[in-house]
């Protein structure tokens, strides 16, 4: 019997609270009866979890669908961009929302990203990290609730 751990299954596990490769390893054993090495889990995550751009695109799509009048833009990283700035800039009813997309299980915030998000919050904006589109919507909804 050949069992494949797919992106969809990993996203399902992420939704249920799994956050680390170790969590994936435990769930594979518990739910699928698979005894995986840490190296095998790392390979599965590298193969099945799309690049950050994939998540950025989907996050932007759900924000635009949920808030059709919002201003939503992808902030491009490059030699002339400021390091640590959130990937997705959104303005809703005059309020700034910054979403830094990360790959589930493997994406880690940089110190610059953490510092920038804290500065945005201090200035009155809303900013946070999100792996999946529903997390990004939650960031926005919580920010609207604060406003």
N, C-alpha and C. Protein backbone atom coordinates (compact mmCIF):
# COMPACT_ATOMS: atom_id res chain seq x y z
N UNK A 1 0.84 -1.18 0.00
CA UNK A 1 0.00 0.00 0.00
C UNK A 1 0.89 1.24 0.00
N UNK A 2 0.67 2.12 -0.98
CA UNK A 2 1.47 3.32 -1.12
C UNK A 2 0.61 4.53 -0.70
N UNK A 3 0.98 5.14 0.42
CA UNK A 3 0.25 6.30 0.93
C UNK A 3 1.06 7.55 0.63
N UNK A 4 0.41 8.54 0.04
CA UNK A 4 1.07 9.79 -0.28
C UNK A 4 0.56 10.90 0.63
N UNK A 5 1.47 11.64 1.18
CA UNK A 5 1.11 12.82 1.96
C UNK A 5 1.11 14.00 1.00
N UNK A 6 -0.08 14.51 0.73
CA UNK A 6 -0.25 15.57 -0.27
C UNK A 6 -0.29 16.96 0.38
N UNK A 7 -0.21 17.96 -0.46
CA UNK A 7 -0.35 19.34 0.00
C UNK A 7 -1.68 19.52 0.73
N UNK A 8 -2.76 18.98 0.18
CA UNK A 8 -4.07 19.14 0.81
C UNK A 8 -4.11 18.50 2.19
N UNK A 9 -3.51 17.34 2.33
CA UNK A 9 -3.47 16.68 3.63
C UNK A 9 -2.63 17.50 4.61
N UNK A 10 -1.51 18.02 4.15
CA UNK A 10 -0.67 18.85 5.02
C UNK A 10 -1.42 20.11 5.44
N UNK A 11 -2.17 20.72 4.52
CA UNK A 11 -2.96 21.90 4.87
C UNK A 11 -4.04 21.54 5.89
N UNK A 12 -4.64 20.38 5.73
CA UNK A 12 -5.65 19.91 6.68
C UNK A 12 -5.02 19.75 8.07
N UNK A 13 -3.85 19.15 8.12
CA UNK A 13 -3.16 18.98 9.40
C UNK A 13 -2.77 20.33 9.99
N UNK A 14 -2.37 21.26 9.14
CA UNK A 14 -2.03 22.60 9.61
C UNK A 14 -3.27 23.25 10.24
N UNK A 15 -4.42 23.13 9.58
CA UNK A 15 -5.67 23.67 10.12
C UNK A 15 -6.01 23.06 11.47
N UNK A 16 -5.65 21.81 11.66
CA UNK A 16 -5.98 21.14 12.92
C UNK A 16 -4.94 21.43 14.01
N UNK A 17 -3.95 22.27 13.71
CA UNK A 17 -3.02 22.69 14.75
C UNK A 17 -1.57 22.26 14.58
N UNK A 18 -1.28 21.41 13.61
CA UNK A 18 0.10 21.00 13.37
C UNK A 18 0.90 22.20 12.85
N UNK A 19 2.11 22.40 13.37
CA UNK A 19 2.90 23.55 12.97
C UNK A 19 4.35 23.22 12.61
N UNK A 20 4.81 22.06 12.99
CA UNK A 20 6.22 21.73 12.79
C UNK A 20 6.39 20.42 12.03
N UNK A 21 7.57 20.19 11.47
CA UNK A 21 7.84 18.89 10.85
C UNK A 21 7.65 17.73 11.84
N UNK A 22 7.96 17.97 13.10
CA UNK A 22 7.75 16.92 14.11
C UNK A 22 6.27 16.60 14.24
N UNK A 23 5.42 17.63 14.19
CA UNK A 23 3.97 17.39 14.22
C UNK A 23 3.55 16.53 13.04
N UNK A 24 4.09 16.81 11.86
CA UNK A 24 3.77 16.03 10.66
C UNK A 24 4.20 14.58 10.86
N UNK A 25 5.37 14.41 11.40
CA UNK A 25 5.88 13.04 11.65
C UNK A 25 4.95 12.27 12.59
N UNK A 26 4.50 12.93 13.67
CA UNK A 26 3.59 12.27 14.61
C UNK A 26 2.24 11.97 13.98
N UNK A 27 1.71 12.90 13.20
CA UNK A 27 0.42 12.67 12.55
C UNK A 27 0.51 11.57 11.50
N UNK A 28 1.61 11.51 10.78
CA UNK A 28 1.80 10.43 9.80
C UNK A 28 1.77 9.07 10.49
N UNK A 29 2.39 9.00 11.65
CA UNK A 29 2.40 7.73 12.40
C UNK A 29 1.01 7.42 12.97
N UNK A 30 0.41 8.43 13.59
CA UNK A 30 -0.87 8.25 14.27
C UNK A 30 -2.02 7.97 13.31
N UNK A 31 -2.09 8.74 12.23
CA UNK A 31 -3.26 8.65 11.34
C UNK A 31 -3.06 7.76 10.13
N UNK A 32 -1.79 7.61 9.71
CA UNK A 32 -1.54 6.83 8.50
C UNK A 32 -0.72 5.57 8.76
N UNK A 33 -0.23 5.43 9.97
CA UNK A 33 0.59 4.26 10.29
C UNK A 33 1.97 4.31 9.65
N UNK A 34 2.43 5.51 9.29
CA UNK A 34 3.74 5.66 8.64
C UNK A 34 4.80 6.04 9.66
N UNK A 35 5.89 5.35 9.64
CA UNK A 35 7.03 5.69 10.50
C UNK A 35 8.06 6.39 9.61
N UNK A 36 8.10 7.70 9.70
CA UNK A 36 8.94 8.50 8.83
C UNK A 36 10.12 9.08 9.59
N UNK A 37 11.25 9.13 8.94
CA UNK A 37 12.40 9.80 9.53
C UNK A 37 12.21 11.31 9.38
N UNK A 38 12.97 12.06 10.17
CA UNK A 38 12.92 13.52 10.06
C UNK A 38 13.32 13.95 8.66
N UNK A 39 14.31 13.27 8.08
CA UNK A 39 14.75 13.60 6.72
C UNK A 39 13.63 13.36 5.71
N UNK A 40 12.91 12.27 5.86
CA UNK A 40 11.80 11.96 4.94
C UNK A 40 10.70 13.02 5.05
N UNK A 41 10.39 13.44 6.27
CA UNK A 41 9.38 14.48 6.46
C UNK A 41 9.84 15.78 5.81
N UNK A 42 11.11 16.14 5.98
CA UNK A 42 11.64 17.34 5.35
C UNK A 42 11.50 17.26 3.82
N UNK A 43 11.78 16.09 3.26
CA UNK A 43 11.64 15.89 1.81
C UNK A 43 10.18 16.03 1.37
N UNK A 44 9.27 15.47 2.15
CA UNK A 44 7.84 15.57 1.83
C UNK A 44 7.41 17.03 1.86
N UNK A 45 7.81 17.75 2.88
CA UNK A 45 7.44 19.16 3.00
C UNK A 45 8.02 19.97 1.85
N UNK A 46 9.26 19.73 1.52
CA UNK A 46 9.90 20.45 0.41
C UNK A 46 9.19 20.17 -0.91
N UNK A 47 8.75 18.92 -1.10
CA UNK A 47 8.09 18.53 -2.35
C UNK A 47 6.62 18.95 -2.42
N UNK A 48 5.92 18.94 -1.28
CA UNK A 48 4.47 19.14 -1.29
C UNK A 48 4.02 20.55 -0.93
N UNK A 49 4.82 21.27 -0.18
CA UNK A 49 4.43 22.63 0.21
C UNK A 49 4.90 23.59 -0.87
N UNK A 50 3.97 24.28 -1.52
CA UNK A 50 4.36 25.19 -2.61
C UNK A 50 5.24 26.34 -2.12
N UNK A 51 5.83 27.03 -3.07
CA UNK A 51 6.64 28.20 -2.74
C UNK A 51 5.75 29.30 -2.17
N UNK A 52 6.37 30.24 -1.49
CA UNK A 52 5.64 31.33 -0.83
C UNK A 52 4.73 32.09 -1.81
N UNK A 53 5.17 32.25 -3.03
CA UNK A 53 4.38 32.99 -4.03
C UNK A 53 3.00 32.36 -4.22
N UNK A 54 2.91 31.05 -4.17
CA UNK A 54 1.65 30.34 -4.31
C UNK A 54 0.68 30.79 -3.22
N UNK A 55 1.18 30.90 -1.99
CA UNK A 55 0.35 31.34 -0.86
C UNK A 55 -0.01 32.82 -0.99
N UNK A 56 0.93 33.63 -1.43
CA UNK A 56 0.67 35.06 -1.62
C UNK A 56 -0.49 35.26 -2.60
N UNK A 57 -0.45 34.55 -3.70
CA UNK A 57 -1.50 34.67 -4.72
C UNK A 57 -2.86 34.30 -4.15
N UNK A 58 -2.94 33.21 -3.43
CA UNK A 58 -4.21 32.77 -2.88
C UNK A 58 -4.71 33.69 -1.77
N UNK A 59 -3.79 34.20 -0.97
CA UNK A 59 -4.18 35.16 0.06
C UNK A 59 -4.77 36.41 -0.59
N UNK A 60 -4.12 36.92 -1.62
CA UNK A 60 -4.64 38.10 -2.31
C UNK A 60 -6.01 37.83 -2.92
N UNK A 61 -6.21 36.65 -3.48
CA UNK A 61 -7.49 36.30 -4.09
C UNK A 61 -8.62 36.32 -3.06
N UNK A 62 -8.37 35.75 -1.87
CA UNK A 62 -9.46 35.70 -0.88
C UNK A 62 -9.72 37.08 -0.28
N UNK A 63 -8.67 37.90 -0.13
CA UNK A 63 -8.88 39.25 0.38
C UNK A 63 -9.73 40.03 -0.62
N UNK A 64 -9.40 39.95 -1.92
CA UNK A 64 -10.17 40.66 -2.95
C UNK A 64 -11.61 40.16 -3.01
N UNK A 65 -11.81 38.87 -2.81
CA UNK A 65 -13.17 38.31 -2.83
C UNK A 65 -13.97 38.76 -1.61
N UNK A 66 -13.34 38.78 -0.47
CA UNK A 66 -14.03 39.14 0.78
C UNK A 66 -14.23 40.65 0.91
N UNK A 67 -13.27 41.42 0.38
CA UNK A 67 -13.31 42.88 0.48
C UNK A 67 -13.10 43.47 -0.93
N UNK A 68 -14.13 43.44 -1.77
CA UNK A 68 -13.98 43.85 -3.17
C UNK A 68 -13.52 45.30 -3.37
N UNK A 69 -13.78 46.17 -2.41
CA UNK A 69 -13.36 47.57 -2.53
C UNK A 69 -11.97 47.83 -1.95
N UNK A 70 -11.34 46.80 -1.44
CA UNK A 70 -10.01 46.97 -0.83
C UNK A 70 -8.95 47.24 -1.89
N UNK A 71 -7.94 47.97 -1.48
CA UNK A 71 -6.74 48.16 -2.29
C UNK A 71 -5.78 47.05 -1.87
N UNK A 72 -5.43 46.15 -2.78
CA UNK A 72 -4.59 44.99 -2.46
C UNK A 72 -3.44 44.92 -3.45
N UNK A 73 -2.22 44.87 -2.96
CA UNK A 73 -1.04 44.80 -3.82
C UNK A 73 0.01 43.89 -3.22
N UNK A 74 0.72 43.24 -4.12
CA UNK A 74 1.89 42.44 -3.74
C UNK A 74 3.08 43.38 -3.72
N UNK A 75 3.82 43.35 -2.64
CA UNK A 75 5.04 44.16 -2.53
C UNK A 75 6.20 43.29 -3.00
N UNK A 76 6.85 43.72 -4.06
CA UNK A 76 7.95 42.94 -4.62
C UNK A 76 9.22 43.16 -3.83
N UNK A 77 9.90 42.07 -3.57
CA UNK A 77 11.20 42.14 -2.89
C UNK A 77 12.28 42.27 -3.97
N UNK A 78 13.29 43.01 -3.67
CA UNK A 78 14.38 43.18 -4.61
C UNK A 78 15.45 44.07 -4.03
N UNK A 79 16.43 44.38 -4.84
CA UNK A 79 17.57 45.16 -4.36
C UNK A 79 17.17 46.56 -3.90
N UNK A 80 16.06 47.11 -4.42
CA UNK A 80 15.65 48.46 -4.05
C UNK A 80 14.50 48.47 -3.04
N UNK A 81 14.10 47.33 -2.56
CA UNK A 81 13.00 47.28 -1.60
C UNK A 81 13.56 47.21 -0.18
N UNK A 82 12.74 47.65 0.75
CA UNK A 82 13.12 47.62 2.16
C UNK A 82 12.95 46.20 2.69
N UNK A 83 13.98 45.69 3.34
CA UNK A 83 13.92 44.33 3.88
C UNK A 83 12.91 44.26 5.03
N UNK A 84 12.17 43.17 5.04
CA UNK A 84 11.24 42.93 6.13
C UNK A 84 9.83 43.43 5.91
N UNK A 85 9.60 44.16 4.81
CA UNK A 85 8.27 44.70 4.56
C UNK A 85 7.31 43.57 4.21
N UNK A 86 6.07 43.58 4.76
CA UNK A 86 5.13 42.50 4.48
C UNK A 86 4.86 42.33 2.98
N UNK A 87 4.62 41.10 2.58
CA UNK A 87 4.42 40.74 1.17
C UNK A 87 3.19 41.39 0.56
N UNK A 88 2.12 41.49 1.35
CA UNK A 88 0.84 41.93 0.81
C UNK A 88 0.38 43.18 1.56
N UNK A 89 0.17 44.23 0.79
CA UNK A 89 -0.32 45.50 1.32
C UNK A 89 -1.81 45.56 1.01
N UNK A 90 -2.60 45.82 2.04
CA UNK A 90 -4.05 45.95 1.86
C UNK A 90 -4.52 47.19 2.60
N UNK A 91 -5.37 47.96 1.96
CA UNK A 91 -6.00 49.10 2.63
C UNK A 91 -7.50 48.91 2.52
N UNK A 92 -8.15 48.92 3.68
CA UNK A 92 -9.60 48.78 3.76
C UNK A 92 -10.12 49.94 4.60
N UNK A 93 -11.01 50.73 4.04
CA UNK A 93 -11.58 51.88 4.74
C UNK A 93 -10.51 52.75 5.37
N UNK A 94 -9.42 52.96 4.64
CA UNK A 94 -8.36 53.85 5.09
C UNK A 94 -7.37 53.26 6.08
N UNK A 95 -7.51 52.00 6.42
CA UNK A 95 -6.60 51.36 7.38
C UNK A 95 -5.67 50.40 6.66
N UNK A 96 -4.40 50.44 7.07
CA UNK A 96 -3.36 49.60 6.47
C UNK A 96 -3.34 48.22 7.12
N UNK A 97 -3.25 47.19 6.28
CA UNK A 97 -3.09 45.80 6.72
C UNK A 97 -1.91 45.21 5.97
N UNK A 98 -0.93 44.74 6.69
CA UNK A 98 0.23 44.10 6.07
C UNK A 98 0.23 42.62 6.40
N UNK A 99 0.30 41.80 5.38
CA UNK A 99 0.32 40.35 5.56
C UNK A 99 1.65 39.82 5.04
N UNK A 100 2.38 39.17 5.90
CA UNK A 100 3.62 38.50 5.51
C UNK A 100 3.30 37.02 5.35
N UNK A 101 3.30 36.55 4.11
CA UNK A 101 2.98 35.15 3.83
C UNK A 101 4.18 34.26 4.15
N UNK A 102 3.88 33.12 4.73
CA UNK A 102 4.90 32.12 5.04
C UNK A 102 4.39 30.76 4.62
N UNK A 103 5.32 29.91 4.22
CA UNK A 103 4.95 28.53 3.88
C UNK A 103 4.65 27.75 5.16
N UNK A 104 3.53 27.02 5.20
CA UNK A 104 3.24 26.22 6.39
C UNK A 104 4.39 25.25 6.68
N UNK A 105 4.66 25.06 7.95
CA UNK A 105 5.64 24.10 8.47
C UNK A 105 7.09 24.53 8.25
N UNK A 106 7.40 25.20 7.17
CA UNK A 106 8.80 25.47 6.85
C UNK A 106 9.16 26.95 6.81
N UNK A 107 8.18 27.84 6.66
CA UNK A 107 8.47 29.26 6.58
C UNK A 107 8.72 29.86 7.95
N UNK A 108 9.80 30.57 8.09
CA UNK A 108 10.17 31.19 9.37
C UNK A 108 10.37 32.69 9.16
N UNK A 109 9.80 33.51 10.04
CA UNK A 109 10.00 34.96 9.92
C UNK A 109 11.45 35.36 10.18
N UNK A 110 11.90 36.33 9.43
CA UNK A 110 13.24 36.87 9.68
C UNK A 110 13.15 37.91 10.80
N UNK A 111 14.26 38.21 11.45
CA UNK A 111 14.24 39.26 12.46
C UNK A 111 13.76 40.60 11.89
N UNK A 112 14.13 40.92 10.65
CA UNK A 112 13.65 42.16 10.01
C UNK A 112 12.14 42.16 9.85
N UNK A 113 11.57 41.02 9.47
CA UNK A 113 10.13 40.93 9.30
C UNK A 113 9.40 41.12 10.62
N UNK A 114 9.91 40.49 11.67
CA UNK A 114 9.29 40.64 12.99
C UNK A 114 9.36 42.10 13.43
N UNK A 115 10.52 42.72 13.29
CA UNK A 115 10.70 44.12 13.70
C UNK A 115 9.78 45.05 12.91
N UNK A 116 9.66 44.82 11.61
CA UNK A 116 8.81 45.67 10.78
C UNK A 116 7.35 45.53 11.16
N UNK A 117 6.90 44.32 11.40
CA UNK A 117 5.51 44.09 11.80
C UNK A 117 5.21 44.80 13.12
N UNK A 118 6.14 44.73 14.05
CA UNK A 118 5.95 45.43 15.34
C UNK A 118 5.89 46.94 15.14
N UNK A 119 6.71 47.49 14.24
CA UNK A 119 6.68 48.94 13.95
C UNK A 119 5.36 49.34 13.31
N UNK A 120 4.86 48.53 12.39
CA UNK A 120 3.57 48.82 11.75
C UNK A 120 2.46 48.85 12.80
N UNK A 121 2.47 47.88 13.68
CA UNK A 121 1.45 47.85 14.74
C UNK A 121 1.55 49.08 15.64
N UNK A 122 2.78 49.44 16.00
CA UNK A 122 2.99 50.60 16.86
C UNK A 122 2.48 51.89 16.20
N UNK A 123 2.56 51.94 14.88
CA UNK A 123 2.11 53.11 14.13
C UNK A 123 0.59 53.10 13.89
N UNK A 124 -0.10 52.06 14.33
CA UNK A 124 -1.55 52.01 14.20
C UNK A 124 -2.06 51.14 13.08
N UNK A 125 -1.15 50.54 12.33
CA UNK A 125 -1.56 49.61 11.28
C UNK A 125 -1.76 48.22 11.84
N UNK A 126 -2.22 47.35 11.00
CA UNK A 126 -2.40 45.94 11.36
C UNK A 126 -1.43 45.15 10.51
N UNK A 127 -0.67 44.28 11.13
CA UNK A 127 0.27 43.46 10.38
C UNK A 127 0.52 42.16 11.13
N UNK A 128 0.67 41.09 10.35
CA UNK A 128 0.95 39.79 10.96
C UNK A 128 1.39 38.81 9.88
N UNK A 129 1.74 37.63 10.33
CA UNK A 129 2.14 36.53 9.46
C UNK A 129 0.93 35.66 9.19
N UNK A 130 0.87 35.07 7.99
CA UNK A 130 -0.20 34.14 7.65
C UNK A 130 0.36 33.09 6.69
N UNK A 131 -0.01 31.86 6.95
CA UNK A 131 0.38 30.78 6.04
C UNK A 131 -0.73 30.49 5.03
N UNK A 132 -1.94 30.45 5.50
CA UNK A 132 -3.07 30.10 4.64
C UNK A 132 -4.02 31.29 4.51
N UNK A 133 -4.80 31.31 3.45
CA UNK A 133 -5.71 32.44 3.22
C UNK A 133 -6.64 32.74 4.39
N UNK A 134 -7.17 31.72 5.04
CA UNK A 134 -8.09 31.99 6.15
C UNK A 134 -7.39 32.69 7.31
N UNK A 135 -6.09 32.45 7.49
CA UNK A 135 -5.34 33.16 8.53
C UNK A 135 -5.21 34.64 8.17
N UNK A 136 -4.99 34.94 6.91
CA UNK A 136 -4.89 36.33 6.48
C UNK A 136 -6.22 37.05 6.70
N UNK A 137 -7.32 36.40 6.36
CA UNK A 137 -8.63 37.00 6.61
C UNK A 137 -8.86 37.24 8.09
N UNK A 138 -8.38 36.35 8.91
CA UNK A 138 -8.52 36.51 10.37
C UNK A 138 -7.73 37.72 10.86
N UNK A 139 -6.54 37.94 10.30
CA UNK A 139 -5.74 39.12 10.65
C UNK A 139 -6.55 40.38 10.34
N UNK A 140 -7.15 40.42 9.16
CA UNK A 140 -7.92 41.59 8.75
C UNK A 140 -9.17 41.75 9.63
N UNK A 141 -9.89 40.67 9.84
CA UNK A 141 -11.12 40.75 10.66
C UNK A 141 -10.80 41.20 12.08
N UNK A 142 -9.71 40.70 12.65
CA UNK A 142 -9.32 41.14 14.00
C UNK A 142 -8.95 42.61 13.99
N UNK A 143 -8.28 43.06 12.93
CA UNK A 143 -7.92 44.47 12.82
C UNK A 143 -9.13 45.36 12.66
N UNK A 144 -10.11 44.91 11.90
CA UNK A 144 -11.34 45.69 11.74
C UNK A 144 -12.06 45.76 13.08
N UNK A 145 -12.02 44.69 13.86
CA UNK A 145 -12.65 44.67 15.17
C UNK A 145 -12.00 45.63 16.15
N UNK A 146 -10.71 45.89 15.97
CA UNK A 146 -9.98 46.82 16.84
C UNK A 146 -10.29 48.26 16.48
N UNK A 147 -10.66 48.49 15.23
CA UNK A 147 -10.81 49.85 14.70
C UNK A 147 -12.06 50.51 15.21
